[in-house]
Amino acid sequence: MERILSLADRLWFKVKVSRWRGAVTRLPEAESTTSEPQARLAPWWLGAGGYRREGDPSDFYEALAATANRDGSSDRWLPQAWDWKRLELEHIYAWEHEIRRIVRELIARSLQNGHAYQAEFERYKVTALARAEDGETYLLIGTENIADPRVFAVIINAIPGIDHHSWMPEPEGVRGLEPEPGEIIWSTILPPAVAAQLLDSLPDDD
């Protein structure tokens, strides 16, 4: 990596993509076990970017050096509170998106053969079972170790086309799915259109 020599108060490195140029640094917070978890997830920070116009005052590196000389440091390009909040929200969104994907895939696989499928993420466990009876498809979702209602809401709302009021608790278990210790089972009727949508979204097995 090539260092930006005009920024002397900390190590910044050059990033080059076509005409674009950038300044990236490794955050010291990423090396600390007591730092914000976001810093450990994103140890490198792209602090500034612009066009390369060699010999022109508007050149990215020329402007970078001029600004740093005027400010006396490169602190302005380090992440601020808003940046950490944005990163936190992005990780939350990605986490929720992955939960929805997992839940939908569990249901779709159960729709194919009527078997229960289970997945674990972090300290949580989710089980899905779809059973066809009397012309209707019953969907059972078991959730284990989930005390946070927000996590439960993400799981239940992962299934499109089902009103959350239609879910019923099954404390004794139902239709071949018995609750494990600490597990709560919920049931609902899965509309045919929703079942077809879930099956269509199932990735092909190579």
N, C-alpha and C. Protein backbone atom coordinates (compact mmCIF):
# COMPACT_ATOMS: atom_id res chain seq x y z
N MET A 1 0.84 -1.19 0.00
CA MET A 1 0.00 0.00 0.00
C MET A 1 0.88 1.25 0.00
N GLU A 2 0.43 2.25 -0.73
CA GLU A 2 1.20 3.48 -0.86
C GLU A 2 0.67 4.54 0.10
N ARG A 3 1.54 5.06 0.92
CA ARG A 3 1.15 6.03 1.93
C ARG A 3 0.96 7.41 1.31
N ILE A 4 0.01 8.18 1.89
CA ILE A 4 -0.17 9.58 1.52
C ILE A 4 0.75 10.40 2.42
N LEU A 5 1.85 10.84 1.89
CA LEU A 5 2.91 11.46 2.69
C LEU A 5 2.51 12.84 3.22
N SER A 6 1.58 13.50 2.56
CA SER A 6 1.19 14.84 2.99
C SER A 6 0.37 14.82 4.28
N LEU A 7 -0.14 13.65 4.67
CA LEU A 7 -0.89 13.51 5.92
C LEU A 7 0.03 12.84 6.93
N ALA A 8 0.60 13.64 7.82
CA ALA A 8 1.68 13.15 8.68
C ALA A 8 1.21 12.77 10.08
N ASP A 9 0.00 13.17 10.48
CA ASP A 9 -0.42 12.93 11.86
C ASP A 9 -0.88 11.50 12.09
N ARG A 10 -1.22 10.78 11.02
CA ARG A 10 -1.56 9.36 11.12
C ARG A 10 -1.36 8.73 9.75
N LEU A 11 -1.35 7.42 9.71
CA LEU A 11 -1.10 6.71 8.45
C LEU A 11 -2.37 6.67 7.60
N TRP A 12 -2.29 7.30 6.45
CA TRP A 12 -3.34 7.22 5.43
C TRP A 12 -2.73 6.62 4.18
N PHE A 13 -3.51 5.80 3.50
CA PHE A 13 -3.02 5.13 2.30
C PHE A 13 -3.88 5.49 1.09
N LYS A 14 -3.26 5.38 -0.08
CA LYS A 14 -3.95 5.73 -1.32
C LYS A 14 -4.82 4.57 -1.81
N VAL A 15 -5.99 4.95 -2.31
CA VAL A 15 -6.89 4.01 -2.98
C VAL A 15 -7.10 4.53 -4.40
N LYS A 16 -6.93 3.66 -5.40
CA LYS A 16 -7.02 4.10 -6.79
C LYS A 16 -8.00 3.21 -7.54
N VAL A 17 -9.02 3.84 -8.10
CA VAL A 17 -9.99 3.14 -8.95
C VAL A 17 -10.29 4.04 -10.14
N SER A 18 -9.76 3.67 -11.31
CA SER A 18 -9.92 4.49 -12.50
C SER A 18 -9.42 5.91 -12.20
N ARG A 19 -10.27 6.93 -12.43
CA ARG A 19 -9.85 8.31 -12.13
C ARG A 19 -10.06 8.66 -10.66
N TRP A 20 -10.77 7.81 -9.95
CA TRP A 20 -11.07 8.10 -8.55
C TRP A 20 -9.86 7.81 -7.67
N ARG A 21 -9.70 8.66 -6.64
CA ARG A 21 -8.67 8.47 -5.64
C ARG A 21 -9.31 8.58 -4.26
N GLY A 22 -8.75 7.85 -3.32
CA GLY A 22 -9.29 7.88 -1.97
C GLY A 22 -8.20 7.84 -0.93
N ALA A 23 -8.58 8.14 0.31
CA ALA A 23 -7.67 8.08 1.45
C ALA A 23 -8.27 7.15 2.49
N VAL A 24 -7.53 6.08 2.82
CA VAL A 24 -8.03 5.08 3.75
C VAL A 24 -7.04 4.90 4.89
N THR A 25 -7.58 4.66 6.09
CA THR A 25 -6.74 4.44 7.25
C THR A 25 -7.31 3.30 8.08
N ARG A 26 -6.43 2.66 8.85
CA ARG A 26 -6.88 1.62 9.77
C ARG A 26 -7.14 2.27 11.12
N LEU A 27 -8.34 2.04 11.64
CA LEU A 27 -8.75 2.69 12.88
C LEU A 27 -8.12 2.00 14.09
N PRO A 28 -7.51 2.75 14.99
CA PRO A 28 -6.93 2.14 16.18
C PRO A 28 -7.99 1.48 17.06
N GLU A 29 -9.23 1.96 16.97
CA GLU A 29 -10.32 1.36 17.75
C GLU A 29 -10.53 -0.10 17.40
N ALA A 30 -10.19 -0.47 16.15
CA ALA A 30 -10.40 -1.84 15.69
C ALA A 30 -9.49 -2.82 16.41
N GLU A 31 -8.38 -2.33 16.96
CA GLU A 31 -7.43 -3.21 17.63
C GLU A 31 -7.73 -3.39 19.11
N SER A 32 -8.66 -2.60 19.64
CA SER A 32 -8.95 -2.63 21.08
C SER A 32 -10.12 -3.55 21.38
N THR A 33 -9.96 -4.39 22.40
CA THR A 33 -11.05 -5.29 22.79
C THR A 33 -12.16 -4.55 23.51
N THR A 34 -11.90 -3.31 23.93
CA THR A 34 -12.91 -2.53 24.64
C THR A 34 -13.59 -1.51 23.74
N SER A 35 -13.27 -1.53 22.46
CA SER A 35 -13.82 -0.54 21.55
C SER A 35 -15.24 -0.90 21.15
N GLU A 36 -15.86 0.02 20.44
CA GLU A 36 -17.18 -0.24 19.89
C GLU A 36 -17.11 -1.45 18.95
N PRO A 37 -18.10 -2.35 19.01
CA PRO A 37 -18.05 -3.52 18.12
C PRO A 37 -18.06 -3.16 16.65
N GLN A 38 -18.66 -2.00 16.30
CA GLN A 38 -18.66 -1.59 14.91
C GLN A 38 -17.25 -1.36 14.39
N ALA A 39 -16.37 -0.86 15.27
CA ALA A 39 -15.00 -0.60 14.83
C ALA A 39 -14.28 -1.89 14.51
N ARG A 40 -14.57 -2.95 15.25
CA ARG A 40 -13.92 -4.23 14.97
C ARG A 40 -14.49 -4.86 13.72
N LEU A 41 -15.75 -4.54 13.38
CA LEU A 41 -16.35 -5.06 12.16
C LEU A 41 -15.88 -4.29 10.93
N ALA A 42 -15.49 -3.04 11.11
CA ALA A 42 -15.05 -2.21 9.99
C ALA A 42 -13.74 -1.53 10.37
N PRO A 43 -12.64 -2.28 10.39
CA PRO A 43 -11.37 -1.72 10.87
C PRO A 43 -10.76 -0.68 9.93
N TRP A 44 -11.11 -0.75 8.64
CA TRP A 44 -10.56 0.22 7.68
C TRP A 44 -11.60 1.27 7.35
N TRP A 45 -11.14 2.49 7.23
CA TRP A 45 -12.07 3.62 7.01
C TRP A 45 -11.63 4.43 5.80
N LEU A 46 -12.55 4.57 4.84
CA LEU A 46 -12.32 5.43 3.68
C LEU A 46 -12.81 6.82 4.05
N GLY A 47 -11.86 7.70 4.33
CA GLY A 47 -12.22 9.00 4.88
C GLY A 47 -12.56 10.06 3.86
N ALA A 48 -12.02 9.95 2.65
CA ALA A 48 -12.26 10.99 1.64
C ALA A 48 -12.02 10.40 0.26
N GLY A 49 -12.60 11.05 -0.73
CA GLY A 49 -12.43 10.59 -2.10
C GLY A 49 -12.60 11.73 -3.08
N GLY A 50 -12.05 11.56 -4.26
CA GLY A 50 -12.19 12.59 -5.28
C GLY A 50 -11.46 12.19 -6.55
N TYR A 51 -11.36 13.13 -7.50
CA TYR A 51 -10.74 12.86 -8.79
C TYR A 51 -9.24 13.19 -8.77
N ARG A 52 -8.50 12.41 -9.54
CA ARG A 52 -7.08 12.69 -9.74
C ARG A 52 -6.96 13.66 -10.91
N ARG A 53 -6.41 14.85 -10.62
CA ARG A 53 -6.17 15.86 -11.66
C ARG A 53 -4.76 16.40 -11.46
N GLU A 54 -3.80 15.63 -11.86
CA GLU A 54 -2.40 15.96 -11.59
C GLU A 54 -2.05 17.33 -12.14
N GLY A 55 -1.39 18.15 -11.28
CA GLY A 55 -0.99 19.49 -11.69
C GLY A 55 -2.06 20.53 -11.52
N ASP A 56 -3.26 20.15 -11.10
CA ASP A 56 -4.38 21.07 -10.93
C ASP A 56 -4.64 21.25 -9.44
N PRO A 57 -4.92 22.49 -8.98
CA PRO A 57 -5.20 22.70 -7.56
C PRO A 57 -6.39 21.90 -7.05
N SER A 58 -7.29 21.51 -7.99
CA SER A 58 -8.47 20.73 -7.57
C SER A 58 -8.17 19.23 -7.49
N ASP A 59 -6.93 18.85 -7.79
CA ASP A 59 -6.52 17.45 -7.67
C ASP A 59 -6.82 16.95 -6.26
N PHE A 60 -7.30 15.73 -6.15
CA PHE A 60 -7.72 15.20 -4.85
C PHE A 60 -6.61 15.28 -3.81
N TYR A 61 -5.42 14.83 -4.16
CA TYR A 61 -4.34 14.81 -3.19
C TYR A 61 -3.86 16.22 -2.84
N GLU A 62 -3.88 17.13 -3.82
CA GLU A 62 -3.51 18.51 -3.54
C GLU A 62 -4.51 19.14 -2.57
N ALA A 63 -5.79 18.92 -2.83
CA ALA A 63 -6.82 19.49 -1.95
C ALA A 63 -6.76 18.87 -0.56
N LEU A 64 -6.44 17.58 -0.53
CA LEU A 64 -6.33 16.88 0.75
C LEU A 64 -5.22 17.49 1.60
N ALA A 65 -4.07 17.70 0.99
CA ALA A 65 -2.93 18.27 1.70
C ALA A 65 -3.21 19.69 2.16
N ALA A 66 -3.86 20.48 1.32
CA ALA A 66 -4.17 21.86 1.67
C ALA A 66 -5.11 21.92 2.86
N THR A 67 -6.10 21.06 2.86
CA THR A 67 -7.07 21.04 3.97
C THR A 67 -6.41 20.59 5.26
N ALA A 68 -5.58 19.56 5.19
CA ALA A 68 -4.88 19.07 6.38
C ALA A 68 -3.94 20.12 6.95
N ASN A 69 -3.26 20.85 6.07
CA ASN A 69 -2.36 21.91 6.53
C ASN A 69 -3.14 23.03 7.21
N ARG A 70 -4.29 23.34 6.66
CA ARG A 70 -5.11 24.41 7.25
C ARG A 70 -5.68 24.00 8.61
N ASP A 71 -6.14 22.73 8.72
CA ASP A 71 -6.73 22.25 9.97
C ASP A 71 -5.68 21.87 11.01
N GLY A 72 -4.49 21.51 10.54
CA GLY A 72 -3.47 21.06 11.45
C GLY A 72 -3.53 19.59 11.79
N SER A 73 -4.49 18.86 11.20
CA SER A 73 -4.63 17.41 11.42
C SER A 73 -5.55 16.84 10.36
N SER A 74 -5.65 15.51 10.36
CA SER A 74 -6.56 14.83 9.42
C SER A 74 -7.81 14.31 10.14
N ASP A 75 -8.09 14.85 11.32
CA ASP A 75 -9.20 14.35 12.12
C ASP A 75 -10.55 14.48 11.42
N ARG A 76 -10.70 15.46 10.56
CA ARG A 76 -12.00 15.68 9.92
C ARG A 76 -12.43 14.49 9.07
N TRP A 77 -11.47 13.65 8.67
CA TRP A 77 -11.82 12.51 7.81
C TRP A 77 -12.03 11.21 8.60
N LEU A 78 -11.92 11.29 9.91
CA LEU A 78 -12.18 10.11 10.74
C LEU A 78 -13.67 9.97 10.99
N PRO A 79 -14.15 8.76 11.29
CA PRO A 79 -15.59 8.57 11.50
C PRO A 79 -16.10 9.36 12.70
N GLN A 80 -17.29 9.92 12.53
CA GLN A 80 -17.96 10.66 13.60
C GLN A 80 -19.10 9.81 14.16
N ALA A 81 -19.79 10.35 15.15
CA ALA A 81 -20.88 9.59 15.79
C ALA A 81 -21.93 9.16 14.77
N TRP A 82 -22.23 10.04 13.81
CA TRP A 82 -23.23 9.70 12.80
C TRP A 82 -22.78 8.51 11.96
N ASP A 83 -21.49 8.44 11.66
CA ASP A 83 -20.97 7.33 10.86
C ASP A 83 -21.11 6.00 11.59
N TRP A 84 -20.79 6.01 12.90
CA TRP A 84 -20.94 4.76 13.67
C TRP A 84 -22.39 4.34 13.75
N LYS A 85 -23.30 5.31 13.89
CA LYS A 85 -24.72 4.99 13.95
C LYS A 85 -25.18 4.41 12.61
N ARG A 86 -24.72 4.99 11.53
CA ARG A 86 -25.08 4.48 10.20
C ARG A 86 -24.58 3.05 10.03
N LEU A 87 -23.34 2.77 10.45
CA LEU A 87 -22.80 1.44 10.33
C LEU A 87 -23.59 0.44 11.18
N GLU A 88 -23.96 0.88 12.38
CA GLU A 88 -24.77 0.01 13.24
C GLU A 88 -26.09 -0.36 12.58
N LEU A 89 -26.75 0.63 11.98
CA LEU A 89 -28.03 0.39 11.32
C LEU A 89 -27.86 -0.53 10.10
N GLU A 90 -26.76 -0.36 9.38
CA GLU A 90 -26.51 -1.23 8.23
C GLU A 90 -26.33 -2.68 8.66
N HIS A 91 -25.63 -2.89 9.77
CA HIS A 91 -25.45 -4.25 10.27
C HIS A 91 -26.77 -4.84 10.76
N ILE A 92 -27.61 -4.01 11.39
CA ILE A 92 -28.92 -4.49 11.83
C ILE A 92 -29.76 -4.90 10.63
N TYR A 93 -29.76 -4.06 9.59
CA TYR A 93 -30.53 -4.38 8.38
C TYR A 93 -30.04 -5.68 7.76
N ALA A 94 -28.72 -5.84 7.66
CA ALA A 94 -28.17 -7.06 7.07
C ALA A 94 -28.52 -8.28 7.92
N TRP A 95 -28.48 -8.13 9.24
CA TRP A 95 -28.82 -9.23 10.14
C TRP A 95 -30.29 -9.63 9.97
N GLU A 96 -31.18 -8.65 9.91
CA GLU A 96 -32.60 -8.94 9.72
C GLU A 96 -32.85 -9.58 8.36
N HIS A 97 -32.17 -9.08 7.34
CA HIS A 97 -32.32 -9.66 6.00
C HIS A 97 -31.91 -11.12 5.99
N GLU A 98 -30.82 -11.46 6.69
CA GLU A 98 -30.36 -12.84 6.73
C GLU A 98 -31.34 -13.74 7.50
N ILE A 99 -31.92 -13.23 8.58
CA ILE A 99 -32.92 -14.01 9.32
C ILE A 99 -34.12 -14.30 8.43
N ARG A 100 -34.60 -13.30 7.72
CA ARG A 100 -35.75 -13.50 6.83
C ARG A 100 -35.43 -14.55 5.77
N ARG A 101 -34.23 -14.47 5.21
CA ARG A 101 -33.84 -15.45 4.19
C ARG A 101 -33.82 -16.86 4.76
N ILE A 102 -33.26 -17.02 5.95
CA ILE A 102 -33.16 -18.34 6.57
C ILE A 102 -34.54 -18.90 6.85
N VAL A 103 -35.41 -18.10 7.45
CA VAL A 103 -36.76 -18.56 7.80
C VAL A 103 -37.53 -18.98 6.55
N ARG A 104 -37.46 -18.18 5.52
CA ARG A 104 -38.19 -18.51 4.29
C ARG A 104 -37.65 -19.79 3.66
N GLU A 105 -36.34 -19.98 3.72
CA GLU A 105 -35.77 -21.20 3.14
C GLU A 105 -36.18 -22.43 3.95
N LEU A 106 -36.23 -22.31 5.28
CA LEU A 106 -36.67 -23.44 6.11
C LEU A 106 -38.09 -23.86 5.75
N ILE A 107 -38.95 -22.86 5.62
CA ILE A 107 -40.35 -23.16 5.28
C ILE A 107 -40.45 -23.80 3.90
N ALA A 108 -39.74 -23.25 2.93
CA ALA A 108 -39.80 -23.78 1.57
C ALA A 108 -39.32 -25.22 1.51
N ARG A 109 -38.27 -25.54 2.23
CA ARG A 109 -37.77 -26.92 2.23
C ARG A 109 -38.77 -27.86 2.91
N SER A 110 -39.42 -27.37 3.95
CA SER A 110 -40.44 -28.20 4.59
C SER A 110 -41.64 -28.40 3.68
N LEU A 111 -41.98 -27.39 2.89
CA LEU A 111 -43.09 -27.54 1.93
C LEU A 111 -42.81 -28.63 0.92
N GLN A 112 -41.54 -28.85 0.61
CA GLN A 112 -41.19 -29.85 -0.40
C GLN A 112 -41.44 -31.27 0.06
N ASN A 113 -41.23 -31.54 1.36
CA ASN A 113 -41.33 -32.95 1.80
C ASN A 113 -42.06 -33.15 3.13
N GLY A 114 -42.52 -32.08 3.76
CA GLY A 114 -43.26 -32.23 5.01
C GLY A 114 -42.40 -32.49 6.24
N HIS A 115 -41.08 -32.39 6.12
CA HIS A 115 -40.20 -32.58 7.26
C HIS A 115 -39.91 -31.25 7.95
N ALA A 116 -39.56 -31.33 9.21
CA ALA A 116 -39.18 -30.13 9.96
C ALA A 116 -37.73 -29.76 9.64
N TYR A 117 -37.47 -28.46 9.51
CA TYR A 117 -36.12 -27.96 9.28
C TYR A 117 -35.77 -26.93 10.34
N GLN A 118 -34.51 -26.92 10.72
CA GLN A 118 -34.09 -26.10 11.85
C GLN A 118 -32.80 -25.35 11.50
N ALA A 119 -32.68 -24.16 12.08
CA ALA A 119 -31.46 -23.37 11.89
C ALA A 119 -31.15 -22.65 13.19
N GLU A 120 -29.85 -22.43 13.41
CA GLU A 120 -29.39 -21.68 14.58
C GLU A 120 -28.60 -20.47 14.11
N PHE A 121 -28.82 -19.35 14.75
CA PHE A 121 -28.03 -18.16 14.49
C PHE A 121 -27.84 -17.43 15.81
N GLU A 122 -26.56 -17.11 16.06
CA GLU A 122 -26.18 -16.58 17.37
C GLU A 122 -26.66 -17.55 18.44
N ARG A 123 -27.45 -17.09 19.40
CA ARG A 123 -27.93 -18.00 20.45
C ARG A 123 -29.37 -18.44 20.21
N TYR A 124 -29.92 -18.09 19.06
CA TYR A 124 -31.32 -18.39 18.76
C TYR A 124 -31.45 -19.66 17.92
N LYS A 125 -32.65 -20.26 18.01
CA LYS A 125 -32.94 -21.45 17.21
C LYS A 125 -34.36 -21.32 16.65
N VAL A 126 -34.51 -21.64 15.36
CA VAL A 126 -35.80 -21.57 14.70
C VAL A 126 -36.07 -22.88 13.99
N THR A 127 -37.30 -23.39 14.15
CA THR A 127 -37.72 -24.61 13.48
C THR A 127 -38.97 -24.30 12.66
N ALA A 128 -39.04 -24.85 11.46
CA ALA A 128 -40.21 -24.65 10.59
C ALA A 128 -40.73 -26.00 10.12
N LEU A 129 -42.05 -26.14 10.14
CA LEU A 129 -42.70 -27.36 9.67
C LEU A 129 -43.97 -26.98 8.94
N ALA A 130 -44.09 -27.40 7.69
CA ALA A 130 -45.30 -27.16 6.89
C ALA A 130 -45.97 -28.50 6.62
N ARG A 131 -47.24 -28.61 6.99
CA ARG A 131 -47.98 -29.87 6.83
C ARG A 131 -49.29 -29.60 6.10
N ALA A 132 -49.55 -30.42 5.07
CA ALA A 132 -50.80 -30.30 4.32
C ALA A 132 -51.83 -31.26 4.90
N GLU A 133 -52.97 -30.72 5.29
CA GLU A 133 -54.06 -31.53 5.85
C GLU A 133 -55.40 -30.94 5.43
N ASP A 134 -56.29 -31.82 4.96
CA ASP A 134 -57.66 -31.41 4.62
C ASP A 134 -57.69 -30.23 3.65
N GLY A 135 -56.78 -30.24 2.70
CA GLY A 135 -56.78 -29.20 1.68
C GLY A 135 -56.15 -27.89 2.10
N GLU A 136 -55.59 -27.85 3.29
CA GLU A 136 -54.94 -26.63 3.75
C GLU A 136 -53.52 -26.95 4.21
N THR A 137 -52.66 -25.94 4.18
CA THR A 137 -51.29 -26.11 4.63
C THR A 137 -51.11 -25.37 5.95
N TYR A 138 -50.76 -26.13 6.97
CA TYR A 138 -50.52 -25.57 8.29
C TYR A 138 -49.02 -25.31 8.45
N LEU A 139 -48.70 -24.12 8.92
CA LEU A 139 -47.31 -23.76 9.13
C LEU A 139 -47.05 -23.63 10.62
N LEU A 140 -46.01 -24.31 11.08
CA LEU A 140 -45.60 -24.24 12.47
C LEU A 140 -44.20 -23.65 12.53
N ILE A 141 -44.04 -22.69 13.41
CA ILE A 141 -42.74 -22.07 13.63
C ILE A 141 -42.39 -22.20 15.12
N GLY A 142 -41.27 -22.84 15.39
CA GLY A 142 -40.78 -22.94 16.76
C GLY A 142 -39.62 -22.00 16.98
N THR A 143 -39.67 -21.24 18.06
CA THR A 143 -38.59 -20.30 18.38
C THR A 143 -38.04 -20.64 19.77
N GLU A 144 -36.73 -20.75 19.86
CA GLU A 144 -36.09 -21.14 21.11
C GLU A 144 -35.06 -20.09 21.53
N ASN A 145 -35.05 -19.79 22.82
CA ASN A 145 -34.10 -18.83 23.42
C ASN A 145 -34.31 -17.41 22.92
N ILE A 146 -35.52 -17.07 22.53
CA ILE A 146 -35.79 -15.73 22.02
C ILE A 146 -36.64 -14.99 23.05
N ALA A 147 -36.00 -14.14 23.82
CA ALA A 147 -36.71 -13.34 24.82
C ALA A 147 -37.02 -11.94 24.30
N ASP A 148 -36.27 -11.50 23.30
CA ASP A 148 -36.45 -10.16 22.76
C ASP A 148 -37.61 -10.18 21.76
N PRO A 149 -38.70 -9.46 22.03
CA PRO A 149 -39.84 -9.48 21.10
C PRO A 149 -39.50 -8.93 19.73
N ARG A 150 -38.48 -8.09 19.63
CA ARG A 150 -38.10 -7.54 18.33
C ARG A 150 -37.53 -8.62 17.42
N VAL A 151 -36.77 -9.55 18.00
CA VAL A 151 -36.23 -10.66 17.22
C VAL A 151 -37.36 -11.58 16.77
N PHE A 152 -38.28 -11.85 17.67
CA PHE A 152 -39.43 -12.69 17.32
C PHE A 152 -40.24 -12.04 16.20
N ALA A 153 -40.42 -10.72 16.28
CA ALA A 153 -41.19 -10.02 15.25
C ALA A 153 -40.52 -10.14 13.89
N VAL A 154 -39.18 -10.08 13.84
CA VAL A 154 -38.47 -10.24 12.57
C VAL A 154 -38.73 -11.62 11.98
N ILE A 155 -38.73 -12.65 12.83
CA ILE A 155 -38.94 -14.02 12.36
C ILE A 155 -40.35 -14.19 11.81
N ILE A 156 -41.34 -13.75 12.57
CA ILE A 156 -42.74 -13.91 12.14
C ILE A 156 -43.03 -13.08 10.88
N ASN A 157 -42.51 -11.86 10.85
CA ASN A 157 -42.77 -11.00 9.70
C ASN A 157 -41.93 -11.36 8.48
N ALA A 158 -41.05 -12.36 8.63
CA ALA A 158 -40.26 -12.80 7.47
C ALA A 158 -41.12 -13.47 6.42
N ILE A 159 -42.29 -13.94 6.81
CA ILE A 159 -43.15 -14.70 5.91
C ILE A 159 -44.14 -13.75 5.27
N PRO A 160 -44.05 -13.54 3.97
CA PRO A 160 -44.93 -12.56 3.32
C PRO A 160 -46.37 -13.06 3.24
N GLY A 161 -47.31 -12.13 3.26
CA GLY A 161 -48.69 -12.48 3.02
C GLY A 161 -49.43 -13.09 4.19
N ILE A 162 -48.85 -13.06 5.40
CA ILE A 162 -49.53 -13.61 6.58
C ILE A 162 -49.68 -12.51 7.61
N ASP A 163 -50.93 -12.22 7.99
CA ASP A 163 -51.18 -11.22 9.02
C ASP A 163 -50.69 -11.74 10.36
N HIS A 164 -50.01 -10.88 11.12
CA HIS A 164 -49.44 -11.35 12.38
C HIS A 164 -50.52 -11.74 13.38
N HIS A 165 -51.77 -11.26 13.19
CA HIS A 165 -52.86 -11.63 14.09
C HIS A 165 -53.32 -13.07 13.88
N SER A 166 -52.92 -13.68 12.76
CA SER A 166 -53.38 -15.05 12.47
C SER A 166 -52.54 -16.11 13.17
N TRP A 167 -51.44 -15.73 13.82
CA TRP A 167 -50.60 -16.70 14.51
C TRP A 167 -51.21 -17.08 15.86
N MET A 168 -51.18 -18.39 16.15
CA MET A 168 -51.72 -18.89 17.41
C MET A 168 -50.62 -19.63 18.17
N PRO A 169 -50.48 -19.38 19.49
CA PRO A 169 -49.50 -20.13 20.27
C PRO A 169 -49.94 -21.57 20.47
N GLU A 170 -48.99 -22.48 20.46
CA GLU A 170 -49.27 -23.92 20.65
C GLU A 170 -48.38 -24.43 21.78
N PRO A 171 -48.73 -24.15 23.04
CA PRO A 171 -47.85 -24.53 24.16
C PRO A 171 -47.67 -26.03 24.32
N GLU A 172 -48.60 -26.83 23.84
CA GLU A 172 -48.50 -28.29 23.97
C GLU A 172 -47.94 -28.95 22.72
N GLY A 173 -47.62 -28.13 21.72
CA GLY A 173 -47.18 -28.73 20.46
C GLY A 173 -48.36 -29.08 19.60
N VAL A 174 -48.11 -29.35 18.33
CA VAL A 174 -49.21 -29.64 17.42
C VAL A 174 -48.67 -30.30 16.16
N ARG A 175 -49.42 -31.27 15.66
CA ARG A 175 -49.16 -31.90 14.37
C ARG A 175 -47.70 -32.33 14.19
N GLY A 176 -47.19 -33.06 15.16
CA GLY A 176 -45.88 -33.67 15.01
C GLY A 176 -44.71 -32.82 15.44
N LEU A 177 -44.96 -31.63 15.96
CA LEU A 177 -43.89 -30.77 16.42
C LEU A 177 -44.08 -30.49 17.90
N GLU A 178 -43.23 -31.08 18.72
CA GLU A 178 -43.33 -30.91 20.17
C GLU A 178 -42.31 -29.88 20.63
N PRO A 179 -42.71 -29.00 21.55
CA PRO A 179 -41.77 -27.95 22.00
C PRO A 179 -40.63 -28.52 22.84
N GLU A 180 -39.44 -28.02 22.57
CA GLU A 180 -38.28 -28.32 23.40
C GLU A 180 -38.28 -27.38 24.60
N PRO A 181 -37.47 -27.67 25.63
CA PRO A 181 -37.39 -26.74 26.77
C PRO A 181 -37.01 -25.33 26.31
N GLY A 182 -37.81 -24.35 26.69
CA GLY A 182 -37.54 -22.97 26.31
C GLY A 182 -38.03 -22.60 24.92
N GLU A 183 -38.73 -23.53 24.25
CA GLU A 183 -39.20 -23.27 22.90
C GLU A 183 -40.68 -22.91 22.91
N ILE A 184 -41.06 -21.99 22.05
CA ILE A 184 -42.45 -21.60 21.85
C ILE A 184 -42.83 -21.92 20.41
N ILE A 185 -43.93 -22.60 20.24
CA ILE A 185 -44.40 -22.98 18.90
C ILE A 185 -45.63 -22.14 18.55
N TRP A 186 -45.61 -21.65 17.32
CA TRP A 186 -46.73 -20.85 16.80
C TRP A 186 -47.23 -21.50 15.52
N SER A 187 -48.53 -21.37 15.27
CA SER A 187 -49.11 -22.00 14.08
C SER A 187 -49.99 -21.00 13.34
N THR A 188 -50.12 -21.23 12.05
CA THR A 188 -51.00 -20.44 11.21
C THR A 188 -51.30 -21.24 9.96
N ILE A 189 -52.23 -20.77 9.15
CA ILE A 189 -52.52 -21.40 7.86
C ILE A 189 -51.74 -20.66 6.78
N LEU A 190 -51.05 -21.41 5.95
CA LEU A 190 -50.23 -20.84 4.89
C LEU A 190 -51.03 -20.78 3.60
N PRO A 191 -51.37 -19.59 3.10
CA PRO A 191 -52.13 -19.50 1.85
C PRO A 191 -51.35 -20.11 0.68
N PRO A 192 -52.06 -20.72 -0.27
CA PRO A 192 -51.37 -21.34 -1.42
C PRO A 192 -50.46 -20.38 -2.17
N ALA A 193 -50.90 -19.14 -2.34
CA ALA A 193 -50.08 -18.17 -3.08
C ALA A 193 -48.77 -17.88 -2.35
N VAL A 194 -48.83 -17.83 -1.02
CA VAL A 194 -47.62 -17.59 -0.23
C VAL A 194 -46.69 -18.80 -0.32
N ALA A 195 -47.28 -20.00 -0.24
CA ALA A 195 -46.47 -21.22 -0.35
C ALA A 195 -45.77 -21.29 -1.70
N ALA A 196 -46.48 -20.93 -2.76
CA ALA A 196 -45.88 -20.94 -4.09
C ALA A 196 -44.74 -19.92 -4.19
N GLN A 197 -44.94 -18.75 -3.59
CA GLN A 197 -43.90 -17.72 -3.61
C GLN A 197 -42.65 -18.18 -2.87
N LEU A 198 -42.84 -18.86 -1.74
CA LEU A 198 -41.70 -19.36 -0.99
C LEU A 198 -40.95 -20.44 -1.76
N LEU A 199 -41.68 -21.32 -2.40
CA LEU A 199 -41.04 -22.39 -3.18
C LEU A 199 -40.28 -21.81 -4.38
N ASP A 200 -40.84 -20.78 -5.00
CA ASP A 200 -40.16 -20.16 -6.14
C ASP A 200 -38.85 -19.49 -5.73
N SER A 201 -38.79 -19.03 -4.48
CA SER A 201 -37.60 -18.34 -4.02
C SER A 201 -36.52 -19.28 -3.50
N LEU A 202 -36.82 -20.58 -3.44
CA LEU A 202 -35.86 -21.53 -2.91
C LEU A 202 -34.69 -21.66 -3.87
N PRO A 203 -33.46 -21.51 -3.38
CA PRO A 203 -32.30 -21.62 -4.29
C PRO A 203 -32.14 -23.04 -4.81
N ASP A 204 -31.65 -23.13 -6.03
CA ASP A 204 -31.42 -24.45 -6.63
C ASP A 204 -30.25 -25.14 -5.95
N ASP A 205 -30.40 -26.41 -5.69
CA ASP A 205 -29.30 -27.20 -5.12
C ASP A 205 -28.38 -27.66 -6.23
N ASP A 206 -27.11 -27.28 -6.13
CA ASP A 206 -26.14 -27.68 -7.16
C ASP A 206 -25.67 -29.11 -6.90
